[in-house]
């Protein structure tokens, strides 16, 4: 049951990534990506059993799925804001009565909101990457001592 739920979450995340991210690995279908991840995971598990290490070395895509989902929501919201900003700008330019000032205001406000939402999305991913790098450093330090 737990594996089926994890597979379902992975499929939903992959569909979201396919829509919002331009990543070469994400151009695969969710089923093919799931099989790819399972085969990589089984290889990693075999290597970890051999190494007697209890820290999974390459589980970045499996860790913190909620944060990755929230990041993709912020990213998609930022692009929606950008599109709405462009629509409002074009509509205000078409209007005859002082629409240029509204258009410029919408462009500036929408641009600031777009950049802010995109920065939040990237910030979440940076924190997840920092956690992964810290975990890998701790793992390497344990091996050396």
Protein backbone atom coordinates (compact mmCIF):
# COMPACT_ATOMS: atom_id res chain seq x y z
CA UNK A 1 0.00 0.00 0.00
CA UNK A 2 2.81 2.36 0.92
CA UNK A 3 4.68 1.62 -2.33
CA UNK A 4 1.53 2.17 -4.40
CA UNK A 5 1.01 5.52 -2.72
CA UNK A 6 4.65 6.46 -3.31
CA UNK A 7 4.32 5.45 -6.97
CA UNK A 8 1.18 7.57 -7.32
CA UNK A 9 2.90 10.59 -5.78
CA UNK A 10 5.89 10.10 -8.08
CA UNK A 11 3.65 9.93 -11.16
CA UNK A 12 1.84 13.15 -10.15
CA UNK A 13 5.14 14.92 -9.51
CA UNK A 14 6.53 13.79 -12.85
CA UNK A 15 3.48 15.10 -14.68
CA UNK A 16 3.86 18.45 -12.91
CA UNK A 17 7.59 18.54 -13.72
CA UNK A 18 6.86 17.68 -17.37
CA UNK A 19 4.52 20.66 -17.55
CA UNK A 20 6.57 23.27 -15.71
CA UNK A 21 10.22 22.29 -15.95
CA UNK A 22 12.49 21.93 -18.92
CA UNK A 23 14.66 19.09 -17.71
CA UNK A 24 15.95 16.39 -20.12
CA UNK A 25 15.32 13.61 -17.63
CA UNK A 26 11.73 14.75 -17.20
CA UNK A 27 10.83 14.30 -20.86
CA UNK A 28 10.24 10.59 -20.23
CA UNK A 29 6.75 9.28 -19.58
CA UNK A 30 5.88 8.83 -15.89
CA UNK A 31 5.76 5.02 -16.21
CA UNK A 32 9.16 4.88 -17.92
CA UNK A 33 10.60 7.29 -15.34
CA UNK A 34 9.14 5.17 -12.53
CA UNK A 35 10.77 2.03 -13.95
CA UNK A 36 14.04 3.94 -14.37
CA UNK A 37 13.94 5.15 -10.77
CA UNK A 38 13.08 1.67 -9.45
CA UNK A 39 15.97 0.06 -11.34
CA UNK A 40 18.35 2.77 -10.12
CA UNK A 41 17.00 2.39 -6.60
CA UNK A 42 17.51 -1.38 -6.62
CA UNK A 43 21.08 -0.91 -7.88
CA UNK A 44 21.72 1.67 -5.18
CA UNK A 45 20.25 -0.60 -2.51
CA UNK A 46 22.52 -3.43 -3.60
CA UNK A 47 25.55 -1.15 -3.44
CA UNK A 48 24.50 0.15 -0.03
CA UNK A 49 24.10 -3.35 1.35
CA UNK A 50 27.62 -4.08 0.17
CA UNK A 51 28.93 -0.91 1.77
CA UNK A 52 26.96 -1.42 5.02
CA UNK A 53 25.80 2.17 4.92
CA UNK A 54 22.36 3.21 6.17
CA UNK A 55 22.22 6.58 4.39
CA UNK A 56 20.71 6.43 0.90
CA UNK A 57 23.24 8.18 -1.31
CA UNK A 58 21.08 9.38 -4.18
CA UNK A 59 17.57 9.86 -2.89
CA UNK A 60 17.27 13.56 -3.67
CA UNK A 61 14.23 13.10 -5.90
CA UNK A 62 12.52 10.97 -3.22
CA UNK A 63 13.18 13.27 -0.29
CA UNK A 64 10.84 16.13 0.58
CA UNK A 65 8.24 15.60 -2.15
CA UNK A 66 6.01 18.17 -0.45
CA UNK A 67 8.61 20.91 -0.73
CA UNK A 68 9.23 20.06 -4.37
CA UNK A 69 5.49 20.19 -5.03
CA UNK A 70 5.15 23.56 -3.28
CA UNK A 71 8.10 24.84 -5.30
CA UNK A 72 6.43 23.77 -8.54
CA UNK A 73 3.21 25.51 -7.42
CA UNK A 74 5.11 28.74 -6.82
CA UNK A 75 6.84 28.38 -10.18
CA UNK A 76 3.55 27.81 -12.02
CA UNK A 77 1.90 30.68 -10.14
CA UNK A 78 4.73 32.99 -11.16
CA UNK A 79 4.21 32.15 -14.83
CA UNK A 80 0.45 32.66 -14.50
CA UNK A 81 1.13 36.09 -12.99
CA UNK A 82 3.48 36.88 -15.89
CA UNK A 83 0.85 35.94 -18.46
CA UNK A 84 -1.85 37.94 -16.67
CA UNK A 85 0.50 40.91 -16.46
CA UNK A 86 1.04 40.83 -20.21
CA UNK A 87 -2.71 40.53 -20.85
CA UNK A 88 -3.48 43.49 -18.56
CA UNK A 89 -0.71 45.54 -20.16
CA UNK A 90 -2.00 44.89 -23.69
CA UNK A 91 -5.60 45.56 -22.64
CA UNK A 92 -4.66 48.83 -20.96
CA UNK A 93 -2.70 50.01 -24.02
CA UNK A 94 -5.76 49.37 -26.20
CA UNK A 95 -7.92 51.58 -23.94
CA UNK A 96 -7.99 55.25 -24.87
CA UNK A 97 -8.46 56.91 -21.47
CA UNK A 98 -5.15 56.92 -19.54
CA UNK A 99 -4.58 53.23 -20.05
CA UNK A 100 -0.84 53.62 -20.54
CA UNK A 101 -0.35 54.49 -16.85
CA UNK A 102 -2.34 51.46 -15.75
CA UNK A 103 -0.35 49.31 -18.18
CA UNK A 104 3.00 50.51 -16.90
CA UNK A 105 1.85 50.02 -13.31
CA UNK A 106 0.67 46.50 -14.09
CA UNK A 107 3.96 45.75 -15.85
CA UNK A 108 6.05 46.93 -12.91
CA UNK A 109 3.87 45.29 -10.23
CA UNK A 110 3.47 42.06 -12.17
CA UNK A 111 7.19 41.92 -12.90
CA UNK A 112 8.07 42.32 -9.23
CA UNK A 113 5.51 39.68 -8.24
CA UNK A 114 6.78 37.31 -10.95
CA UNK A 115 10.39 37.64 -9.80
CA UNK A 116 9.41 37.23 -6.15
CA UNK A 117 7.37 34.06 -6.74
CA UNK A 118 10.10 32.58 -8.93
CA UNK A 119 12.72 33.38 -6.27
CA UNK A 120 10.64 31.62 -3.60
CA UNK A 121 10.34 28.52 -5.81
CA UNK A 122 14.08 28.46 -6.46
CA UNK A 123 14.83 29.14 -2.78
CA UNK A 124 12.91 26.04 -1.75
CA UNK A 125 14.90 23.93 -4.20
CA UNK A 126 18.16 25.46 -2.94
CA UNK A 127 17.30 24.48 0.65
CA UNK A 128 16.59 20.90 -0.44
CA UNK A 129 19.91 20.81 -2.32
CA UNK A 130 21.75 22.20 0.72
CA UNK A 131 20.24 19.44 2.85
CA UNK A 132 21.37 16.83 0.34
CA UNK A 133 24.91 18.24 0.18
CA UNK A 134 25.13 18.37 3.98
CA UNK A 135 23.97 14.76 4.24
CA UNK A 136 26.53 13.67 1.65
CA UNK A 137 29.31 15.56 3.47
CA UNK A 138 28.37 13.87 6.74
CA UNK A 139 28.37 10.51 4.97
CA UNK A 140 31.84 11.16 3.49
CA UNK A 141 33.18 12.29 6.86
CA UNK A 142 31.90 9.09 8.48
CA UNK A 143 33.70 7.01 5.85
CA UNK A 144 37.01 8.82 6.41
CA UNK A 145 36.99 8.35 10.18
